[in-house]
Amino acid sequence: IMAADVVYYHPFLDELLLTFDHLCKNDTVI
């Protein structure tokens, strides 16, 4: 999973964390 500059002042940080959690398997590298 790749992400660049997805954390800044926006109201969707809870949803972002939920998305990381959903997409990430045990052997997935972020």
PDB file of all heavy atoms in Angstrom:
ATOM      1  N   ILE A   1       0.874  -1.166   0.000  1.00  0.00           N
ATOM      2  CA  ILE A   1       0.000   0.000   0.000  1.00  0.00           C
ATOM      3  C   ILE A   1       0.910   1.215   0.000  1.00  0.00           C
ATOM      4  O   ILE A   1       1.817   1.323   0.829  1.00  0.00           O
ATOM      5  CB  ILE A   1      -0.904   0.039   1.247  1.00  0.00           C
ATOM      6  CG1 ILE A   1      -1.797  -1.200   1.298  1.00  0.00           C
ATOM      7  CG2 ILE A   1      -1.758   1.312   1.264  1.00  0.00           C
ATOM      8  CD1 ILE A   1      -2.551  -1.342   2.622  1.00  0.00           C
ATOM      9  N   MET A   2       0.672   2.142  -0.928  1.00  0.00           N
ATOM     10  CA  MET A   2       1.500   3.340  -1.014  1.00  0.00           C
ATOM     11  C   MET A   2       0.651   4.573  -0.795  1.00  0.00           C
ATOM     12  O   MET A   2      -0.502   4.640  -1.239  1.00  0.00           O
ATOM     13  CB  MET A   2       2.213   3.403  -2.370  1.00  0.00           C
ATOM     14  CG  MET A   2       3.169   2.243  -2.586  1.00  0.00           C
ATOM     15  SD  MET A   2       4.166   2.391  -4.071  1.00  0.00           S
ATOM     16  CE  MET A   2       5.014   0.801  -4.013  1.00  0.00           C
ATOM     17  N   ALA A   3       1.236   5.535  -0.115  1.00  0.00           N
ATOM     18  CA  ALA A   3       0.526   6.775   0.170  1.00  0.00           C
ATOM     19  C   ALA A   3       1.528   7.909   0.309  1.00  0.00           C
ATOM     20  O   ALA A   3       2.572   7.750   0.950  1.00  0.00           O
ATOM     21  CB  ALA A   3      -0.295   6.634   1.451  1.00  0.00           C
ATOM     22  N   ALA A   4       1.227   9.047  -0.292  1.00  0.00           N
ATOM     23  CA  ALA A   4       2.087  10.227  -0.198  1.00  0.00           C
ATOM     24  C   ALA A   4       1.232  11.436   0.171  1.00  0.00           C
ATOM     25  O   ALA A   4       0.297  11.781  -0.558  1.00  0.00           O
ATOM     26  CB  ALA A   4       2.822  10.475  -1.519  1.00  0.00           C
ATOM     27  N   ASP A   5       1.542  12.008   1.305  1.00  0.00           N
ATOM     28  CA  ASP A   5       0.887  13.239   1.761  1.00  0.00           C
ATOM     29  C   ASP A   5      -0.626  13.086   1.890  1.00  0.00           C
ATOM     30  O   ASP A   5      -1.388  13.953   1.468  1.00  0.00           O
ATOM     31  CB  ASP A   5       1.216  14.402   0.817  1.00  0.00           C
ATOM     32  CG  ASP A   5       1.655  15.636   1.588  1.00  0.00           C
ATOM     33  OD1 ASP A   5       1.621  15.618   2.837  1.00  0.00           O
ATOM     34  OD2 ASP A   5       2.025  16.631   0.952  1.00  0.00           O
ATOM     35  N   VAL A   6      -1.045  11.993   2.499  1.00  0.00           N
ATOM     36  CA  VAL A   6      -2.482  11.792   2.728  1.00  0.00           C
ATOM     37  C   VAL A   6      -2.922  12.303   4.100  1.00  0.00           C
ATOM     38  O   VAL A   6      -4.129  12.350   4.384  1.00  0.00           O
ATOM     39  CB  VAL A   6      -2.867  10.300   2.580  1.00  0.00           C
ATOM     40  CG1 VAL A   6      -2.698   9.847   1.140  1.00  0.00           C
ATOM     41  CG2 VAL A   6      -2.047   9.414   3.521  1.00  0.00           C
ATOM     42  N   VAL A   7      -1.969  12.660   4.952  1.00  0.00           N
ATOM     43  CA  VAL A   7      -2.296  13.168   6.283  1.00  0.00           C
ATOM     44  C   VAL A   7      -1.995  14.661   6.327  1.00  0.00           C
ATOM     45  O   VAL A   7      -0.844  15.079   6.227  1.00  0.00           O
ATOM     46  CB  VAL A   7      -1.494  12.432   7.384  1.00  0.00           C
ATOM     47  CG1 VAL A   7      -1.839  12.993   8.753  1.00  0.00           C
ATOM     48  CG2 VAL A   7      -1.779  10.939   7.335  1.00  0.00           C
ATOM     49  N   TYR A   8      -3.043  15.433   6.440  1.00  0.00           N
ATOM     50  CA  TYR A   8      -2.917  16.883   6.597  1.00  0.00           C
ATOM     51  C   TYR A   8      -4.202  17.340   7.283  1.00  0.00           C
ATOM     52  O   TYR A   8      -4.953  16.520   7.831  1.00  0.00           O
ATOM     53  CB  TYR A   8      -2.694  17.579   5.242  1.00  0.00           C
ATOM     54  CG  TYR A   8      -3.690  17.208   4.173  1.00  0.00           C
ATOM     55  CD1 TYR A   8      -4.855  17.948   3.978  1.00  0.00           C
ATOM     56  CD2 TYR A   8      -3.474  16.102   3.351  1.00  0.00           C
ATOM     57  CE1 TYR A   8      -5.776  17.599   3.004  1.00  0.00           C
ATOM     58  CE2 TYR A   8      -4.390  15.737   2.373  1.00  0.00           C
ATOM     59  CZ  TYR A   8      -5.541  16.496   2.196  1.00  0.00           C
ATOM     60  OH  TYR A   8      -6.441  16.139   1.241  1.00  0.00           O
ATOM     61  N   TYR A   9      -4.478  18.629   7.276  1.00  0.00           N
ATOM     62  CA  TYR A   9      -5.631  19.123   8.017  1.00  0.00           C
ATOM     63  C   TYR A   9      -6.912  18.869   7.222  1.00  0.00           C
ATOM     64  O   TYR A   9      -7.350  19.691   6.420  1.00  0.00           O
ATOM     65  CB  TYR A   9      -5.483  20.612   8.323  1.00  0.00           C
ATOM     66  CG  TYR A   9      -6.566  21.121   9.258  1.00  0.00           C
ATOM     67  CD1 TYR A   9      -6.556  20.759  10.605  1.00  0.00           C
ATOM     68  CD2 TYR A   9      -7.587  21.944   8.790  1.00  0.00           C
ATOM     69  CE1 TYR A   9      -7.547  21.203  11.461  1.00  0.00           C
ATOM     70  CE2 TYR A   9      -8.581  22.388   9.637  1.00  0.00           C
ATOM     71  CZ  TYR A   9      -8.556  22.025  10.970  1.00  0.00           C
ATOM     72  OH  TYR A   9      -9.539  22.453  11.814  1.00  0.00           O
ATOM     73  N   HIS A  10      -7.484  17.681   7.415  1.00  0.00           N
ATOM     74  CA  HIS A  10      -8.786  17.361   6.816  1.00  0.00           C
ATOM     75  C   HIS A  10      -9.571  16.525   7.827  1.00  0.00           C
ATOM     76  O   HIS A  10      -8.993  15.943   8.751  1.00  0.00           O
ATOM     77  CB  HIS A  10      -8.627  16.635   5.473  1.00  0.00           C
ATOM     78  CG  HIS A  10      -7.929  15.311   5.551  1.00  0.00           C
ATOM     79  ND1 HIS A  10      -8.490  14.184   6.098  1.00  0.00           N
ATOM     80  CD2 HIS A  10      -6.689  14.926   5.138  1.00  0.00           C
ATOM     81  CE1 HIS A  10      -7.651  13.177   6.015  1.00  0.00           C
ATOM     82  NE2 HIS A  10      -6.543  13.603   5.446  1.00  0.00           N
ATOM     83  N   PRO A  11     -10.895  16.445   7.661  1.00  0.00           N
ATOM     84  CA  PRO A  11     -11.725  15.792   8.682  1.00  0.00           C
ATOM     85  C   PRO A  11     -11.888  14.288   8.499  1.00  0.00           C
ATOM     86  O   PRO A  11     -12.786  13.696   9.093  1.00  0.00           O
ATOM     87  CB  PRO A  11     -13.078  16.502   8.524  1.00  0.00           C
ATOM     88  CG  PRO A  11     -13.138  16.858   7.076  1.00  0.00           C
ATOM     89  CD  PRO A  11     -11.715  17.152   6.650  1.00  0.00           C
ATOM     90  N   PHE A  12     -11.041  13.646   7.703  1.00  0.00           N
ATOM     91  CA  PHE A  12     -11.249  12.237   7.369  1.00  0.00           C
ATOM     92  C   PHE A  12     -10.102  11.346   7.846  1.00  0.00           C
ATOM     93  O   PHE A  12      -9.840  10.299   7.259  1.00  0.00           O
ATOM     94  CB  PHE A  12     -11.447  12.086   5.855  1.00  0.00           C
ATOM     95  CG  PHE A  12     -12.543  12.929   5.303  1.00  0.00           C
ATOM     96  CD1 PHE A  12     -12.249  14.034   4.528  1.00  0.00           C
ATOM     97  CD2 PHE A  12     -13.872  12.636   5.584  1.00  0.00           C
ATOM     98  CE1 PHE A  12     -13.262  14.835   4.018  1.00  0.00           C
ATOM     99  CE2 PHE A  12     -14.898  13.422   5.084  1.00  0.00           C
ATOM    100  CZ  PHE A  12     -14.596  14.537   4.299  1.00  0.00           C
ATOM    101  N   LEU A  13      -9.445  11.742   8.911  1.00  0.00           N
ATOM    102  CA  LEU A  13      -8.325  10.939   9.403  1.00  0.00           C
ATOM    103  C   LEU A  13      -8.798   9.616   9.986  1.00  0.00           C
ATOM    104  O   LEU A  13      -8.108   8.598   9.854  1.00  0.00           O
ATOM    105  CB  LEU A  13      -7.529  11.735  10.436  1.00  0.00           C
ATOM    106  CG  LEU A  13      -6.798  12.970   9.892  1.00  0.00           C
ATOM    107  CD1 LEU A  13      -6.075  13.707  11.006  1.00  0.00           C
ATOM    108  CD2 LEU A  13      -5.821  12.595   8.781  1.00  0.00           C
ATOM    109  N   ASP A  14      -9.960   9.597  10.642  1.00  0.00           N
ATOM    110  CA  ASP A  14     -10.513   8.327  11.139  1.00  0.00           C
ATOM    111  C   ASP A  14     -10.781   7.374   9.985  1.00  0.00           C
ATOM    112  O   ASP A  14     -10.466   6.175  10.055  1.00  0.00           O
ATOM    113  CB  ASP A  14     -11.820   8.575  11.908  1.00  0.00           C
ATOM    114  CG  ASP A  14     -11.596   9.283  13.236  1.00  0.00           C
ATOM    115  OD1 ASP A  14     -10.446   9.302  13.711  1.00  0.00           O
ATOM    116  OD2 ASP A  14     -12.575   9.812  13.787  1.00  0.00           O
ATOM    117  N   GLU A  15     -11.351   7.903   8.913  1.00  0.00           N
ATOM    118  CA  GLU A  15     -11.653   7.084   7.740  1.00  0.00           C
ATOM    119  C   GLU A  15     -10.378   6.600   7.042  1.00  0.00           C
ATOM    120  O   GLU A  15     -10.337   5.488   6.506  1.00  0.00           O
ATOM    121  CB  GLU A  15     -12.521   7.884   6.758  1.00  0.00           C
ATOM    122  CG  GLU A  15     -13.939   8.150   7.241  1.00  0.00           C
ATOM    123  CD  GLU A  15     -14.042   9.338   8.192  1.00  0.00           C
ATOM    124  OE1 GLU A  15     -12.990   9.942   8.529  1.00  0.00           O
ATOM    125  OE2 GLU A  15     -15.158   9.676   8.604  1.00  0.00           O
ATOM    126  N   LEU A  16      -9.361   7.445   7.063  1.00  0.00           N
ATOM    127  CA  LEU A  16      -8.079   7.038   6.478  1.00  0.00           C
ATOM    128  C   LEU A  16      -7.490   5.858   7.233  1.00  0.00           C
ATOM    129  O   LEU A  16      -7.030   4.882   6.627  1.00  0.00           O
ATOM    130  CB  LEU A  16      -7.103   8.222   6.496  1.00  0.00           C
ATOM    131  CG  LEU A  16      -5.672   7.930   6.045  1.00  0.00           C
ATOM    132  CD1 LEU A  16      -5.632   7.410   4.615  1.00  0.00           C
ATOM    133  CD2 LEU A  16      -4.805   9.185   6.179  1.00  0.00           C
ATOM    134  N   LEU A  17      -7.500   5.922   8.555  1.00  0.00           N
ATOM    135  CA  LEU A  17      -6.969   4.825   9.358  1.00  0.00           C
ATOM    136  C   LEU A  17      -7.776   3.555   9.128  1.00  0.00           C
ATOM    137  O   LEU A  17      -7.218   2.450   9.021  1.00  0.00           O
ATOM    138  CB  LEU A  17      -6.977   5.203  10.836  1.00  0.00           C
ATOM    139  CG  LEU A  17      -6.301   4.220  11.787  1.00  0.00           C
ATOM    140  CD1 LEU A  17      -4.828   4.028  11.421  1.00  0.00           C
ATOM    141  CD2 LEU A  17      -6.416   4.703  13.231  1.00  0.00           C
ATOM    142  N   LEU A  18      -9.088   3.689   9.028  1.00  0.00           N
ATOM    143  CA  LEU A  18      -9.954   2.544   8.749  1.00  0.00           C
ATOM    144  C   LEU A  18      -9.609   1.920   7.393  1.00  0.00           C
ATOM    145  O   LEU A  18      -9.614   0.691   7.234  1.00  0.00           O
ATOM    146  CB  LEU A  18     -11.418   2.996   8.770  1.00  0.00           C
ATOM    147  CG  LEU A  18     -12.486   1.919   8.577  1.00  0.00           C
ATOM    148  CD1 LEU A  18     -12.480   0.941   9.747  1.00  0.00           C
ATOM    149  CD2 LEU A  18     -13.866   2.561   8.445  1.00  0.00           C
ATOM    150  N   THR A  19      -9.267   2.759   6.426  1.00  0.00           N
ATOM    151  CA  THR A  19      -8.921   2.273   5.086  1.00  0.00           C
ATOM    152  C   THR A  19      -7.597   1.514   5.101  1.00  0.00           C
ATOM    153  O   THR A  19      -7.482   0.435   4.507  1.00  0.00           O
ATOM    154  CB  THR A  19      -8.861   3.460   4.108  1.00  0.00           C
ATOM    155  OG1 THR A  19     -10.130   4.125   4.096  1.00  0.00           O
ATOM    156  CG2 THR A  19      -8.531   2.989   2.699  1.00  0.00           C
ATOM    157  N   PHE A  20      -6.604   2.068   5.772  1.00  0.00           N
ATOM    158  CA  PHE A  20      -5.340   1.336   5.935  1.00  0.00           C
ATOM    159  C   PHE A  20      -5.603  -0.033   6.561  1.00  0.00           C
ATOM    160  O   PHE A  20      -5.074  -1.059   6.105  1.00  0.00           O
ATOM    161  CB  PHE A  20      -4.382   2.122   6.837  1.00  0.00           C
ATOM    162  CG  PHE A  20      -3.530   3.130   6.134  1.00  0.00           C
ATOM    163  CD1 PHE A  20      -3.544   4.466   6.522  1.00  0.00           C
ATOM    164  CD2 PHE A  20      -2.675   2.756   5.101  1.00  0.00           C
ATOM    165  CE1 PHE A  20      -2.740   5.404   5.890  1.00  0.00           C
ATOM    166  CE2 PHE A  20      -1.863   3.688   4.464  1.00  0.00           C
ATOM    167  CZ  PHE A  20      -1.903   5.018   4.863  1.00  0.00           C
ATOM    168  N   ASP A  21      -6.404  -0.063   7.604  1.00  0.00           N
ATOM    169  CA  ASP A  21      -6.681  -1.294   8.331  1.00  0.00           C
ATOM    170  C   ASP A  21      -7.386  -2.311   7.449  1.00  0.00           C
ATOM    171  O   ASP A  21      -7.079  -3.505   7.483  1.00  0.00           O
ATOM    172  CB  ASP A  21      -7.526  -0.968   9.569  1.00  0.00           C
ATOM    173  CG  ASP A  21      -7.756  -2.176  10.459  1.00  0.00           C
ATOM    174  OD1 ASP A  21      -6.807  -2.958  10.659  1.00  0.00           O
ATOM    175  OD2 ASP A  21      -8.883  -2.344  10.957  1.00  0.00           O
ATOM    176  N   HIS A  22      -8.330  -1.855   6.644  1.00  0.00           N
ATOM    177  CA  HIS A  22      -9.095  -2.768   5.792  1.00  0.00           C
ATOM    178  C   HIS A  22      -8.224  -3.367   4.685  1.00  0.00           C
ATOM    179  O   HIS A  22      -8.328  -4.564   4.380  1.00  0.00           O
ATOM    180  CB  HIS A  22     -10.279  -2.025   5.172  1.00  0.00           C
ATOM    181  CG  HIS A  22     -11.114  -2.886   4.277  1.00  0.00           C
ATOM    182  ND1 HIS A  22     -12.121  -3.701   4.751  1.00  0.00           N
ATOM    183  CD2 HIS A  22     -11.074  -3.088   2.922  1.00  0.00           C
ATOM    184  CE1 HIS A  22     -12.674  -4.353   3.739  1.00  0.00           C
ATOM    185  NE2 HIS A  22     -12.054  -4.001   2.619  1.00  0.00           N
ATOM    186  N   LEU A  23      -7.375  -2.565   4.076  1.00  0.00           N
ATOM    187  CA  LEU A  23      -6.610  -3.013   2.909  1.00  0.00           C
ATOM    188  C   LEU A  23      -5.369  -3.822   3.270  1.00  0.00           C
ATOM    189  O   LEU A  23      -4.837  -4.547   2.433  1.00  0.00           O
ATOM    190  CB  LEU A  23      -6.171  -1.801   2.077  1.00  0.00           C
ATOM    191  CG  LEU A  23      -7.296  -0.964   1.436  1.00  0.00           C
ATOM    192  CD1 LEU A  23      -6.705   0.281   0.778  1.00  0.00           C
ATOM    193  CD2 LEU A  23      -8.074  -1.787   0.422  1.00  0.00           C
ATOM    194  N   CYS A  24      -4.900  -3.694   4.505  1.00  0.00           N
ATOM    195  CA  CYS A  24      -3.620  -4.281   4.897  1.00  0.00           C
ATOM    196  C   CYS A  24      -3.780  -5.711   5.409  1.00  0.00           C
ATOM    197  O   CYS A  24      -4.450  -5.952   6.416  1.00  0.00           O
ATOM    198  CB  CYS A  24      -2.971  -3.408   5.971  1.00  0.00           C
ATOM    199  SG  CYS A  24      -1.263  -3.871   6.324  1.00  0.00           S
ATOM    200  N   LYS A  25      -3.153  -6.660   4.733  1.00  0.00           N
ATOM    201  CA  LYS A  25      -3.104  -8.037   5.186  1.00  0.00           C
ATOM    202  C   LYS A  25      -1.862  -8.237   6.063  1.00  0.00           C
ATOM    203  O   LYS A  25      -1.055  -7.337   6.255  1.00  0.00           O
ATOM    204  CB  LYS A  25      -3.059  -8.985   3.984  1.00  0.00           C
ATOM    205  CG  LYS A  25      -4.317  -8.979   3.130  1.00  0.00           C
ATOM    206  CD  LYS A  25      -5.468  -9.650   3.846  1.00  0.00           C
ATOM    207  CE  LYS A  25      -6.588 -10.059   2.883  1.00  0.00           C
ATOM    208  NZ  LYS A  25      -7.232  -8.924   2.193  1.00  0.00           N
ATOM    209  N   ASN A  26      -1.680  -9.459   6.557  1.00  0.00           N
ATOM    210  CA  ASN A  26      -0.555  -9.730   7.454  1.00  0.00           C
ATOM    211  C   ASN A  26       0.812  -9.565   6.793  1.00  0.00           C
ATOM    212  O   ASN A  26       1.802  -9.271   7.469  1.00  0.00           O
ATOM    213  CB  ASN A  26      -0.679 -11.140   8.033  1.00  0.00           C
ATOM    214  CG  ASN A  26      -1.794 -11.238   9.056  1.00  0.00           C
ATOM    215  OD1 ASN A  26      -1.920 -10.370   9.914  1.00  0.00           O
ATOM    216  ND2 ASN A  26      -2.605 -12.264   8.968  1.00  0.00           N
ATOM    217  N   ASP A  27       0.871  -9.765   5.473  1.00  0.00           N
ATOM    218  CA  ASP A  27       2.164  -9.632   4.794  1.00  0.00           C
ATOM    219  C   ASP A  27       2.231  -8.405   3.888  1.00  0.00           C
ATOM    220  O   ASP A  27       3.148  -8.273   3.081  1.00  0.00           O
ATOM    221  CB  ASP A  27       2.498 -10.898   3.997  1.00  0.00           C
ATOM    222  CG  ASP A  27       1.430 -11.243   2.973  1.00  0.00           C
ATOM    223  OD1 ASP A  27       0.373 -10.585   2.970  1.00  0.00           O
ATOM    224  OD2 ASP A  27       1.651 -12.166   2.166  1.00  0.00           O
ATOM    225  N   THR A  28       1.281  -7.502   4.030  1.00  0.00           N
ATOM    226  CA  THR A  28       1.293  -6.264   3.250  1.00  0.00           C
ATOM    227  C   THR A  28       2.280  -5.268   3.854  1.00  0.00           C
ATOM    228  O   THR A  28       2.363  -5.119   5.072  1.00  0.00           O
ATOM    229  CB  THR A  28      -0.108  -5.625   3.222  1.00  0.00           C
ATOM    230  OG1 THR A  28      -1.045  -6.551   2.650  1.00  0.00           O
ATOM    231  CG2 THR A  28      -0.112  -4.337   2.407  1.00  0.00           C
ATOM    232  N   VAL A  29       3.024  -4.604   2.989  1.00  0.00           N
ATOM    233  CA  VAL A  29       3.945  -3.544   3.407  1.00  0.00           C
ATOM    234  C   VAL A  29       3.345  -2.196   3.019  1.00  0.00           C
ATOM    235  O   VAL A  29       2.926  -1.999   1.877  1.00  0.00           O
ATOM    236  CB  VAL A  29       5.327  -3.706   2.751  1.00  0.00           C
ATOM    237  CG1 VAL A  29       6.225  -2.506   3.072  1.00  0.00           C
ATOM    238  CG2 VAL A  29       5.988  -4.999   3.200  1.00  0.00           C
ATOM    239  N   ILE A  30       3.290  -1.291   3.981  1.00  0.00           N
ATOM    240  CA  ILE A  30       2.837   0.070   3.718  1.00  0.00           C
ATOM    241  C   ILE A  30       4.065   0.961   3.551  1.00  0.00           C
ATOM    242  O   ILE A  30       4.960   0.954   4.393  1.00  0.00           O
ATOM    243  CB  ILE A  30       1.967   0.606   4.872  1.00  0.00           C
ATOM    244  CG1 ILE A  30       0.704  -0.251   5.032  1.00  0.00           C
ATOM    245  CG2 ILE A  30       1.585   2.069   4.638  1.00  0.00           C
ATOM    246  CD1 ILE A  30      -0.111   0.083   6.277  1.00  0.00           C
TER     247      ILE A  30
END
